[in-house]
Amino acid sequence: MAEPILLEVDGNENCPRMPAMAYEALAGPVEVSRVRLAEPGRPPGLYRVTGWSSAGGGTPCPALYAPVSDSGGGAVHLVYGGDWGVRLKPLDSPEGWDLRSPRQFGEPYLMLIDREDVLGEE
């Protein structure tokens, strides 16, 4: 069994604070760069994802994926990043990572139901 995943995201310009949470990992984490989202308030589709770190006032770092146990005995798919969460932008966006971009948004982390929504590297 993989090591537990302990997450705590400080409140920052990228996303709101998320208190410390622990997840039972079903496999070790791997880097991921793309996800499929279909959530309220956001256009459904493919997104690039990166971790977001407090280093330098906010910089990209690897985003990681691991399947984790959910309370119902199944698995959900956790995508997480740095101490400032994860940052996303539409897959077709040519712009670099930027906290000021209206086309980008941050989250403390993502919990995806379907494994097919975690697309990994290009």
N, C-alpha and C. Protein backbone atom coordinates (compact mmCIF):
# COMPACT_ATOMS: atom_id res chain seq x y z
N MET A 1 0.84 -1.19 0.00
CA MET A 1 0.00 0.00 0.00
C MET A 1 0.88 1.25 0.00
N ALA A 2 0.44 2.26 -0.70
CA ALA A 2 1.18 3.52 -0.82
C ALA A 2 1.07 4.32 0.48
N GLU A 3 1.97 5.26 0.63
CA GLU A 3 1.97 6.15 1.79
C GLU A 3 0.71 7.02 1.78
N PRO A 4 0.15 7.37 2.96
CA PRO A 4 -0.98 8.31 2.99
C PRO A 4 -0.57 9.66 2.39
N ILE A 5 -1.54 10.36 1.85
CA ILE A 5 -1.30 11.69 1.28
C ILE A 5 -1.87 12.71 2.26
N LEU A 6 -1.02 13.59 2.74
CA LEU A 6 -1.42 14.64 3.67
C LEU A 6 -1.39 15.97 2.93
N LEU A 7 -2.53 16.65 2.89
CA LEU A 7 -2.62 17.92 2.16
C LEU A 7 -3.07 19.03 3.08
N GLU A 8 -2.45 20.18 2.93
CA GLU A 8 -2.91 21.41 3.57
C GLU A 8 -2.52 22.54 2.64
N VAL A 9 -3.49 23.35 2.28
CA VAL A 9 -3.25 24.45 1.35
C VAL A 9 -3.50 25.76 2.09
N ASP A 10 -2.48 26.60 2.12
CA ASP A 10 -2.61 27.92 2.73
C ASP A 10 -3.47 28.81 1.85
N GLY A 11 -4.22 29.73 2.46
CA GLY A 11 -4.96 30.71 1.67
C GLY A 11 -3.98 31.57 0.88
N ASN A 12 -4.29 31.84 -0.39
CA ASN A 12 -3.35 32.56 -1.25
C ASN A 12 -4.09 33.15 -2.43
N GLU A 13 -3.36 33.79 -3.34
CA GLU A 13 -3.96 34.42 -4.52
C GLU A 13 -4.52 33.40 -5.51
N ASN A 14 -4.06 32.17 -5.46
CA ASN A 14 -4.50 31.14 -6.40
C ASN A 14 -5.81 30.48 -5.97
N CYS A 15 -5.97 30.24 -4.67
CA CYS A 15 -7.15 29.49 -4.21
C CYS A 15 -7.38 29.73 -2.72
N PRO A 16 -8.57 29.37 -2.23
CA PRO A 16 -8.84 29.52 -0.80
C PRO A 16 -8.09 28.47 0.02
N ARG A 17 -7.98 28.73 1.30
CA ARG A 17 -7.34 27.81 2.23
C ARG A 17 -8.14 26.50 2.31
N MET A 18 -7.42 25.41 2.46
CA MET A 18 -8.04 24.11 2.70
C MET A 18 -7.34 23.53 3.92
N PRO A 19 -8.09 23.28 5.01
CA PRO A 19 -7.45 22.73 6.21
C PRO A 19 -6.83 21.36 5.93
N ALA A 20 -5.97 20.94 6.82
CA ALA A 20 -5.26 19.67 6.64
C ALA A 20 -6.23 18.51 6.46
N MET A 21 -5.94 17.69 5.45
CA MET A 21 -6.73 16.50 5.15
C MET A 21 -5.75 15.35 4.90
N ALA A 22 -6.18 14.14 5.24
CA ALA A 22 -5.36 12.95 4.99
C ALA A 22 -6.17 12.00 4.12
N TYR A 23 -5.51 11.43 3.12
CA TYR A 23 -6.16 10.50 2.20
C TYR A 23 -5.38 9.20 2.16
N GLU A 24 -6.11 8.08 2.11
CA GLU A 24 -5.49 6.77 1.97
C GLU A 24 -5.22 6.52 0.49
N ALA A 25 -3.96 6.57 0.12
CA ALA A 25 -3.59 6.36 -1.28
C ALA A 25 -3.67 4.88 -1.63
N LEU A 26 -4.23 4.59 -2.79
CA LEU A 26 -4.32 3.22 -3.28
C LEU A 26 -3.14 2.87 -4.19
N ALA A 27 -2.39 3.87 -4.60
CA ALA A 27 -1.19 3.70 -5.42
C ALA A 27 -0.34 4.95 -5.22
N GLY A 28 0.93 4.85 -5.57
CA GLY A 28 1.82 6.00 -5.44
C GLY A 28 1.46 7.09 -6.44
N PRO A 29 1.81 8.35 -6.14
CA PRO A 29 1.48 9.46 -7.04
C PRO A 29 2.33 9.46 -8.30
N VAL A 30 1.73 9.97 -9.38
CA VAL A 30 2.42 10.17 -10.65
C VAL A 30 2.13 11.59 -11.13
N GLU A 31 3.05 12.16 -11.90
CA GLU A 31 2.82 13.51 -12.44
C GLU A 31 1.71 13.48 -13.48
N VAL A 32 0.96 14.56 -13.53
CA VAL A 32 -0.15 14.70 -14.47
C VAL A 32 -0.12 16.13 -15.01
N SER A 33 -0.56 16.31 -16.26
CA SER A 33 -0.56 17.65 -16.84
C SER A 33 -1.89 18.04 -17.46
N ARG A 34 -2.82 17.08 -17.58
CA ARG A 34 -4.11 17.38 -18.21
C ARG A 34 -5.23 16.64 -17.47
N VAL A 35 -6.38 17.30 -17.39
CA VAL A 35 -7.58 16.69 -16.80
C VAL A 35 -8.79 17.11 -17.61
N ARG A 36 -9.85 16.33 -17.49
CA ARG A 36 -11.14 16.67 -18.09
C ARG A 36 -12.06 17.09 -16.95
N LEU A 37 -12.68 18.27 -17.09
CA LEU A 37 -13.59 18.78 -16.05
C LEU A 37 -14.98 18.99 -16.62
N ALA A 38 -15.96 18.70 -15.80
CA ALA A 38 -17.36 19.02 -16.08
C ALA A 38 -17.97 19.38 -14.74
N GLU A 39 -17.77 20.63 -14.33
CA GLU A 39 -18.27 21.06 -13.03
C GLU A 39 -19.06 22.35 -13.18
N PRO A 40 -19.99 22.59 -12.28
CA PRO A 40 -20.82 23.80 -12.37
C PRO A 40 -19.96 25.07 -12.35
N GLY A 41 -20.35 26.02 -13.18
CA GLY A 41 -19.67 27.31 -13.21
C GLY A 41 -18.42 27.36 -14.07
N ARG A 42 -18.06 26.26 -14.70
CA ARG A 42 -16.88 26.23 -15.56
C ARG A 42 -17.25 25.57 -16.88
N PRO A 43 -16.69 26.03 -17.99
CA PRO A 43 -16.95 25.36 -19.26
C PRO A 43 -16.41 23.92 -19.20
N PRO A 44 -17.20 22.93 -19.60
CA PRO A 44 -16.68 21.56 -19.61
C PRO A 44 -15.61 21.41 -20.68
N GLY A 45 -14.65 20.56 -20.42
CA GLY A 45 -13.62 20.31 -21.42
C GLY A 45 -12.30 19.89 -20.83
N LEU A 46 -11.27 19.96 -21.66
CA LEU A 46 -9.93 19.56 -21.28
C LEU A 46 -9.15 20.76 -20.77
N TYR A 47 -8.40 20.54 -19.70
CA TYR A 47 -7.62 21.61 -19.06
C TYR A 47 -6.19 21.14 -18.81
N ARG A 48 -5.26 22.06 -18.95
CA ARG A 48 -3.91 21.82 -18.46
C ARG A 48 -3.95 22.07 -16.95
N VAL A 49 -3.17 21.31 -16.22
CA VAL A 49 -3.11 21.49 -14.77
C VAL A 49 -1.65 21.50 -14.34
N THR A 50 -1.35 22.36 -13.39
CA THR A 50 -0.03 22.39 -12.77
C THR A 50 -0.22 22.56 -11.28
N GLY A 51 0.76 22.12 -10.51
CA GLY A 51 0.76 22.46 -9.10
C GLY A 51 1.14 23.92 -8.95
N TRP A 52 0.78 24.52 -7.80
CA TRP A 52 1.13 25.92 -7.57
C TRP A 52 1.82 26.03 -6.22
N SER A 53 3.00 26.65 -6.22
CA SER A 53 3.85 26.74 -5.04
C SER A 53 3.94 28.18 -4.56
N SER A 54 4.18 28.36 -3.27
CA SER A 54 4.39 29.70 -2.73
C SER A 54 5.76 30.27 -3.09
N ALA A 55 6.66 29.45 -3.61
CA ALA A 55 8.00 29.91 -3.98
C ALA A 55 7.91 31.10 -4.94
N GLY A 56 8.67 32.13 -4.67
CA GLY A 56 8.72 33.29 -5.55
C GLY A 56 7.40 34.05 -5.62
N GLY A 57 6.53 33.89 -4.64
CA GLY A 57 5.24 34.57 -4.65
C GLY A 57 4.20 33.89 -5.52
N GLY A 58 4.45 32.66 -5.94
CA GLY A 58 3.51 31.88 -6.75
C GLY A 58 4.14 31.42 -8.04
N THR A 59 4.51 30.15 -8.10
CA THR A 59 5.15 29.58 -9.29
C THR A 59 4.66 28.16 -9.53
N PRO A 60 4.70 27.71 -10.79
CA PRO A 60 4.29 26.33 -11.09
C PRO A 60 5.23 25.31 -10.45
N CYS A 61 4.65 24.16 -10.14
CA CYS A 61 5.39 22.99 -9.67
C CYS A 61 4.62 21.77 -10.17
N PRO A 62 5.13 20.58 -10.03
CA PRO A 62 4.41 19.42 -10.58
C PRO A 62 3.02 19.24 -9.95
N ALA A 63 2.07 18.85 -10.78
CA ALA A 63 0.77 18.38 -10.31
C ALA A 63 0.86 16.86 -10.25
N LEU A 64 0.29 16.28 -9.21
CA LEU A 64 0.36 14.84 -9.00
C LEU A 64 -1.02 14.23 -8.95
N TYR A 65 -1.11 12.97 -9.34
CA TYR A 65 -2.36 12.21 -9.32
C TYR A 65 -2.15 10.92 -8.54
N ALA A 66 -3.15 10.58 -7.72
CA ALA A 66 -3.17 9.27 -7.07
C ALA A 66 -4.63 8.88 -6.83
N PRO A 67 -4.97 7.60 -7.04
CA PRO A 67 -6.28 7.13 -6.62
C PRO A 67 -6.28 7.02 -5.10
N VAL A 68 -7.38 7.45 -4.47
CA VAL A 68 -7.49 7.39 -3.01
C VAL A 68 -8.83 6.77 -2.63
N SER A 69 -8.89 6.22 -1.42
CA SER A 69 -10.13 5.63 -0.93
C SER A 69 -11.15 6.72 -0.64
N ASP A 70 -12.41 6.44 -0.95
CA ASP A 70 -13.46 7.33 -0.49
C ASP A 70 -14.23 6.62 0.62
N SER A 71 -15.06 7.36 1.32
CA SER A 71 -15.74 6.81 2.49
C SER A 71 -16.70 5.69 2.16
N GLY A 72 -17.11 5.56 0.91
CA GLY A 72 -18.04 4.51 0.52
C GLY A 72 -17.37 3.22 0.11
N GLY A 73 -16.07 3.13 0.26
CA GLY A 73 -15.37 1.90 -0.08
C GLY A 73 -14.86 1.85 -1.50
N GLY A 74 -15.13 2.87 -2.28
CA GLY A 74 -14.63 2.91 -3.66
C GLY A 74 -13.37 3.74 -3.74
N ALA A 75 -13.12 4.25 -4.93
CA ALA A 75 -11.95 5.10 -5.15
C ALA A 75 -12.37 6.38 -5.85
N VAL A 76 -11.70 7.46 -5.51
CA VAL A 76 -11.81 8.72 -6.24
C VAL A 76 -10.39 9.09 -6.68
N HIS A 77 -10.30 10.04 -7.57
CA HIS A 77 -9.03 10.35 -8.21
C HIS A 77 -8.59 11.76 -7.81
N LEU A 78 -7.57 11.81 -6.97
CA LEU A 78 -7.06 13.04 -6.38
C LEU A 78 -5.96 13.63 -7.25
N VAL A 79 -6.12 14.90 -7.63
CA VAL A 79 -5.08 15.65 -8.33
C VAL A 79 -4.70 16.80 -7.40
N TYR A 80 -3.43 16.87 -7.05
CA TYR A 80 -2.98 17.87 -6.09
C TYR A 80 -1.64 18.44 -6.52
N GLY A 81 -1.25 19.55 -5.89
CA GLY A 81 -0.02 20.21 -6.32
C GLY A 81 0.80 20.68 -5.15
N GLY A 82 1.12 21.97 -5.17
CA GLY A 82 1.99 22.54 -4.15
C GLY A 82 1.22 23.08 -2.96
N ASP A 83 1.93 23.85 -2.13
CA ASP A 83 1.31 24.39 -0.92
C ASP A 83 0.29 25.49 -1.24
N TRP A 84 0.20 25.89 -2.50
CA TRP A 84 -0.83 26.83 -2.95
C TRP A 84 -1.81 26.16 -3.91
N GLY A 85 -1.92 24.84 -3.88
CA GLY A 85 -2.94 24.13 -4.64
C GLY A 85 -2.53 23.78 -6.06
N VAL A 86 -3.53 23.78 -6.95
CA VAL A 86 -3.31 23.51 -8.37
C VAL A 86 -3.87 24.68 -9.16
N ARG A 87 -3.39 24.86 -10.39
CA ARG A 87 -3.87 25.91 -11.28
C ARG A 87 -4.23 25.26 -12.60
N LEU A 88 -5.33 25.74 -13.21
CA LEU A 88 -5.83 25.16 -14.45
C LEU A 88 -6.06 26.23 -15.50
N LYS A 89 -5.93 25.81 -16.77
CA LYS A 89 -6.26 26.69 -17.91
C LYS A 89 -6.74 25.79 -19.04
N PRO A 90 -7.56 26.33 -19.95
CA PRO A 90 -8.04 25.51 -21.08
C PRO A 90 -6.86 24.90 -21.84
N LEU A 91 -7.06 23.69 -22.31
CA LEU A 91 -5.99 22.97 -23.01
C LEU A 91 -5.46 23.75 -24.21
N ASP A 92 -6.33 24.49 -24.89
CA ASP A 92 -5.91 25.22 -26.09
C ASP A 92 -5.30 26.60 -25.78
N SER A 93 -5.17 26.95 -24.52
CA SER A 93 -4.63 28.26 -24.16
C SER A 93 -3.12 28.32 -24.41
N PRO A 94 -2.65 29.30 -25.21
CA PRO A 94 -1.22 29.42 -25.48
C PRO A 94 -0.46 30.20 -24.40
N GLU A 95 -1.18 30.84 -23.48
CA GLU A 95 -0.52 31.70 -22.50
C GLU A 95 0.20 30.89 -21.43
N GLY A 96 1.21 31.53 -20.84
CA GLY A 96 1.92 30.92 -19.71
C GLY A 96 1.07 31.00 -18.45
N TRP A 97 1.53 30.34 -17.42
CA TRP A 97 0.80 30.36 -16.14
C TRP A 97 0.88 31.75 -15.53
N ASP A 98 -0.30 32.31 -15.14
CA ASP A 98 -0.35 33.69 -14.67
C ASP A 98 -1.55 33.86 -13.74
N LEU A 99 -1.30 34.28 -12.51
CA LEU A 99 -2.39 34.51 -11.56
C LEU A 99 -3.36 35.59 -12.02
N ARG A 100 -2.93 36.48 -12.89
CA ARG A 100 -3.79 37.58 -13.35
C ARG A 100 -4.67 37.20 -14.54
N SER A 101 -4.47 36.03 -15.11
CA SER A 101 -5.23 35.64 -16.31
C SER A 101 -6.67 35.29 -15.95
N PRO A 102 -7.65 35.91 -16.65
CA PRO A 102 -9.05 35.56 -16.40
C PRO A 102 -9.43 34.19 -16.95
N ARG A 103 -8.60 33.61 -17.81
CA ARG A 103 -8.89 32.28 -18.37
C ARG A 103 -8.38 31.15 -17.48
N GLN A 104 -7.63 31.49 -16.45
CA GLN A 104 -7.07 30.48 -15.55
C GLN A 104 -7.75 30.57 -14.19
N PHE A 105 -7.70 29.46 -13.46
CA PHE A 105 -8.27 29.46 -12.11
C PHE A 105 -7.52 28.45 -11.24
N GLY A 106 -7.63 28.65 -9.95
CA GLY A 106 -6.96 27.77 -9.00
C GLY A 106 -7.95 27.05 -8.11
N GLU A 107 -7.53 25.91 -7.61
CA GLU A 107 -8.29 25.10 -6.66
C GLU A 107 -7.31 24.53 -5.65
N PRO A 108 -7.76 24.26 -4.42
CA PRO A 108 -6.86 23.60 -3.48
C PRO A 108 -6.39 22.24 -4.00
N TYR A 109 -7.31 21.49 -4.59
CA TYR A 109 -7.02 20.22 -5.26
C TYR A 109 -8.28 19.78 -5.97
N LEU A 110 -8.20 18.72 -6.76
CA LEU A 110 -9.35 18.20 -7.50
C LEU A 110 -9.63 16.78 -7.05
N MET A 111 -10.91 16.45 -6.91
CA MET A 111 -11.35 15.08 -6.65
C MET A 111 -12.22 14.70 -7.84
N LEU A 112 -11.74 13.80 -8.68
CA LEU A 112 -12.45 13.40 -9.89
C LEU A 112 -13.03 12.00 -9.71
N ILE A 113 -14.24 11.80 -10.20
CA ILE A 113 -14.93 10.52 -10.05
C ILE A 113 -14.39 9.48 -11.03
N ASP A 114 -14.20 9.88 -12.28
CA ASP A 114 -13.81 8.93 -13.33
C ASP A 114 -12.31 8.97 -13.59
N ARG A 115 -11.69 7.83 -13.61
CA ARG A 115 -10.25 7.72 -13.90
C ARG A 115 -9.93 8.28 -15.28
N GLU A 116 -10.87 8.15 -16.21
CA GLU A 116 -10.65 8.65 -17.57
C GLU A 116 -10.50 10.17 -17.63
N ASP A 117 -10.88 10.87 -16.56
CA ASP A 117 -10.75 12.33 -16.53
C ASP A 117 -9.33 12.79 -16.17
N VAL A 118 -8.48 11.86 -15.75
CA VAL A 118 -7.08 12.15 -15.48
C VAL A 118 -6.29 11.69 -16.69
N LEU A 119 -5.78 12.64 -17.47
CA LEU A 119 -5.22 12.32 -18.77
C LEU A 119 -3.70 12.25 -18.79
N GLY A 120 -3.05 12.64 -17.75
CA GLY A 120 -1.59 12.49 -17.70
C GLY A 120 -0.85 13.42 -18.62
N GLU A 121 0.29 12.95 -19.06
CA GLU A 121 1.16 13.74 -19.92
C GLU A 121 0.68 13.68 -21.36
N GLU A 122 1.09 14.67 -22.16
CA GLU A 122 0.71 14.70 -23.57
C GLU A 122 1.54 13.73 -24.36
